[in-house]
C-alpha cells in the first residue's frame, strides 16, 4: 500500500470479525511477521481499530473469500 491508509468499511470489518469469532479457536495465535503473535481478541481489536495489522488481517480474509468463490482455491487444492 504505497504509504496511504486503506479505508475499510464497517460492514467488511464486521464480516471479518464474525469469521474470526466463528473459525479461530481461542487457544491459537496468529503470526504475520509483526513483533508478536496475536490472540483471537487482539486480532479483533486490530480489525476494529483499522490499523495496519487490522488491514492485513482483513485483506487476508478477503483474499481467501475471493479464492474460495472464484474456484481458485479448490483448483489449487486439487492440483496437489
C-alpha atoms as a PDB file:
ATOM      1  CA  UNK A   1       0.000   0.000   0.000  1.00  0.00           C
ATOM      2  CA  UNK A   2       2.047   2.933  -1.172  1.00  0.00           C
ATOM      3  CA  UNK A   3       2.067   4.857   2.118  1.00  0.00           C
ATOM      4  CA  UNK A   4      -1.634   5.691   2.118  1.00  0.00           C
ATOM      5  CA  UNK A   5      -4.087   4.291   4.639  1.00  0.00           C
ATOM      6  CA  UNK A   6      -6.660   1.921   3.170  1.00  0.00           C
ATOM      7  CA  UNK A   7     -10.167   2.635   4.458  1.00  0.00           C
ATOM      8  CA  UNK A   8     -12.182  -0.483   5.214  1.00  0.00           C
ATOM      9  CA  UNK A   9     -15.946  -0.276   5.565  1.00  0.00           C
ATOM     10  CA  UNK A  10     -17.616  -1.221   8.828  1.00  0.00           C
ATOM     11  CA  UNK A  11     -19.551  -3.998   7.036  1.00  0.00           C
ATOM     12  CA  UNK A  12     -16.310  -5.616   5.887  1.00  0.00           C
ATOM     13  CA  UNK A  13     -14.824  -5.274   9.383  1.00  0.00           C
ATOM     14  CA  UNK A  14     -17.910  -6.938  10.879  1.00  0.00           C
ATOM     15  CA  UNK A  15     -17.698  -9.772   8.329  1.00  0.00           C
ATOM     16  CA  UNK A  16     -14.056 -10.433   9.193  1.00  0.00           C
ATOM     17  CA  UNK A  17     -14.729 -10.211  12.939  1.00  0.00           C
ATOM     18  CA  UNK A  18     -17.588 -12.727  12.571  1.00  0.00           C
ATOM     19  CA  UNK A  19     -15.273 -15.089  10.644  1.00  0.00           C
ATOM     20  CA  UNK A  20     -12.559 -14.787  13.301  1.00  0.00           C
ATOM     21  CA  UNK A  21     -15.045 -15.452  16.118  1.00  0.00           C
ATOM     22  CA  UNK A  22     -16.572 -18.442  14.321  1.00  0.00           C
ATOM     23  CA  UNK A  23     -13.455 -20.074  12.932  1.00  0.00           C
ATOM     24  CA  UNK A  24     -10.498 -19.377  15.183  1.00  0.00           C
ATOM     25  CA  UNK A  25     -10.075 -21.348  18.404  1.00  0.00           C
ATOM     26  CA  UNK A  26      -9.294 -19.108  21.391  1.00  0.00           C
ATOM     27  CA  UNK A  27      -6.112 -21.024  22.225  1.00  0.00           C
ATOM     28  CA  UNK A  28      -4.414 -20.309  18.855  1.00  0.00           C
ATOM     29  CA  UNK A  29      -2.340 -17.280  17.909  1.00  0.00           C
ATOM     30  CA  UNK A  30      -1.624 -15.738  14.517  1.00  0.00           C
ATOM     31  CA  UNK A  31       1.830 -14.568  13.483  1.00  0.00           C
ATOM     32  CA  UNK A  32       2.047 -12.375  10.388  1.00  0.00           C
ATOM     33  CA  UNK A  33       5.624 -11.175  10.633  1.00  0.00           C
ATOM     34  CA  UNK A  34       4.903  -8.495  13.200  1.00  0.00           C
ATOM     35  CA  UNK A  35       6.736  -8.338  16.505  1.00  0.00           C
ATOM     36  CA  UNK A  36       4.314 -10.526  18.454  1.00  0.00           C
ATOM     37  CA  UNK A  37       1.783 -13.223  17.724  1.00  0.00           C
ATOM     38  CA  UNK A  38      -1.836 -12.123  18.004  1.00  0.00           C
ATOM     39  CA  UNK A  39      -4.581 -13.795  20.007  1.00  0.00           C
ATOM     40  CA  UNK A  40      -8.116 -14.018  18.712  1.00  0.00           C
ATOM     41  CA  UNK A  41      -9.167 -10.986  20.769  1.00  0.00           C
ATOM     42  CA  UNK A  42      -6.123  -8.957  19.679  1.00  0.00           C
ATOM     43  CA  UNK A  43      -6.933  -9.701  16.042  1.00  0.00           C
ATOM     44  CA  UNK A  44     -10.486  -8.465  16.562  1.00  0.00           C
ATOM     45  CA  UNK A  45      -9.239  -5.281  18.248  1.00  0.00           C
ATOM     46  CA  UNK A  46      -6.856  -4.537  15.356  1.00  0.00           C
ATOM     47  CA  UNK A  47      -9.648  -5.070  12.819  1.00  0.00           C
ATOM     48  CA  UNK A  48     -11.953  -2.749  14.785  1.00  0.00           C
ATOM     49  CA  UNK A  49      -9.197  -0.121  15.027  1.00  0.00           C
ATOM     50  CA  UNK A  50      -8.495  -0.327  11.308  1.00  0.00           C
ATOM     51  CA  UNK A  51      -4.752  -0.085  11.925  1.00  0.00           C
ATOM     52  CA  UNK A  52      -2.020  -1.638   9.765  1.00  0.00           C
ATOM     53  CA  UNK A  53      -2.292  -5.077  11.365  1.00  0.00           C
ATOM     54  CA  UNK A  54      -6.086  -4.957  11.154  1.00  0.00           C
ATOM     55  CA  UNK A  55      -5.889  -4.044   7.472  1.00  0.00           C
ATOM     56  CA  UNK A  56      -3.598  -7.021   6.814  1.00  0.00           C
ATOM     57  CA  UNK A  57      -5.997  -9.335   8.648  1.00  0.00           C
ATOM     58  CA  UNK A  58      -8.969  -8.027   6.640  1.00  0.00           C
ATOM     59  CA  UNK A  59      -7.075  -8.398   3.359  1.00  0.00           C
ATOM     60  CA  UNK A  60      -6.124 -11.994   4.199  1.00  0.00           C
ATOM     61  CA  UNK A  61      -9.764 -12.863   4.837  1.00  0.00           C
ATOM     62  CA  UNK A  62     -10.963 -11.089   1.689  1.00  0.00           C
ATOM     63  CA  UNK A  63      -8.331 -12.819  -0.442  1.00  0.00           C
ATOM     64  CA  UNK A  64      -9.382 -16.188   0.986  1.00  0.00           C
ATOM     65  CA  UNK A  65     -13.061 -15.472   0.275  1.00  0.00           C
ATOM     66  CA  UNK A  66     -12.227 -14.379  -3.293  1.00  0.00           C
ATOM     67  CA  UNK A  67     -10.148 -17.524  -3.898  1.00  0.00           C
ATOM     68  CA  UNK A  68     -12.924 -19.685  -2.476  1.00  0.00           C
ATOM     69  CA  UNK A  69     -15.731 -18.119  -4.505  1.00  0.00           C
ATOM     70  CA  UNK A  70     -13.761 -17.996  -7.761  1.00  0.00           C
ATOM     71  CA  UNK A  71     -12.865 -21.687  -7.563  1.00  0.00           C
ATOM     72  CA  UNK A  72      -9.154 -20.865  -7.484  1.00  0.00           C
ATOM     73  CA  UNK A  73      -8.720 -22.373  -4.007  1.00  0.00           C
ATOM     74  CA  UNK A  74     -10.250 -25.721  -4.977  1.00  0.00           C
ATOM     75  CA  UNK A  75      -8.243 -25.792  -8.201  1.00  0.00           C
ATOM     76  CA  UNK A  76      -5.022 -25.361  -6.176  1.00  0.00           C
ATOM     77  CA  UNK A  77      -6.074 -27.936  -3.582  1.00  0.00           C
ATOM     78  CA  UNK A  78      -6.948 -30.460  -6.276  1.00  0.00           C
ATOM     79  CA  UNK A  79      -3.667 -29.933  -8.119  1.00  0.00           C
ATOM     80  CA  UNK A  80      -1.618 -31.325  -5.236  1.00  0.00           C
END
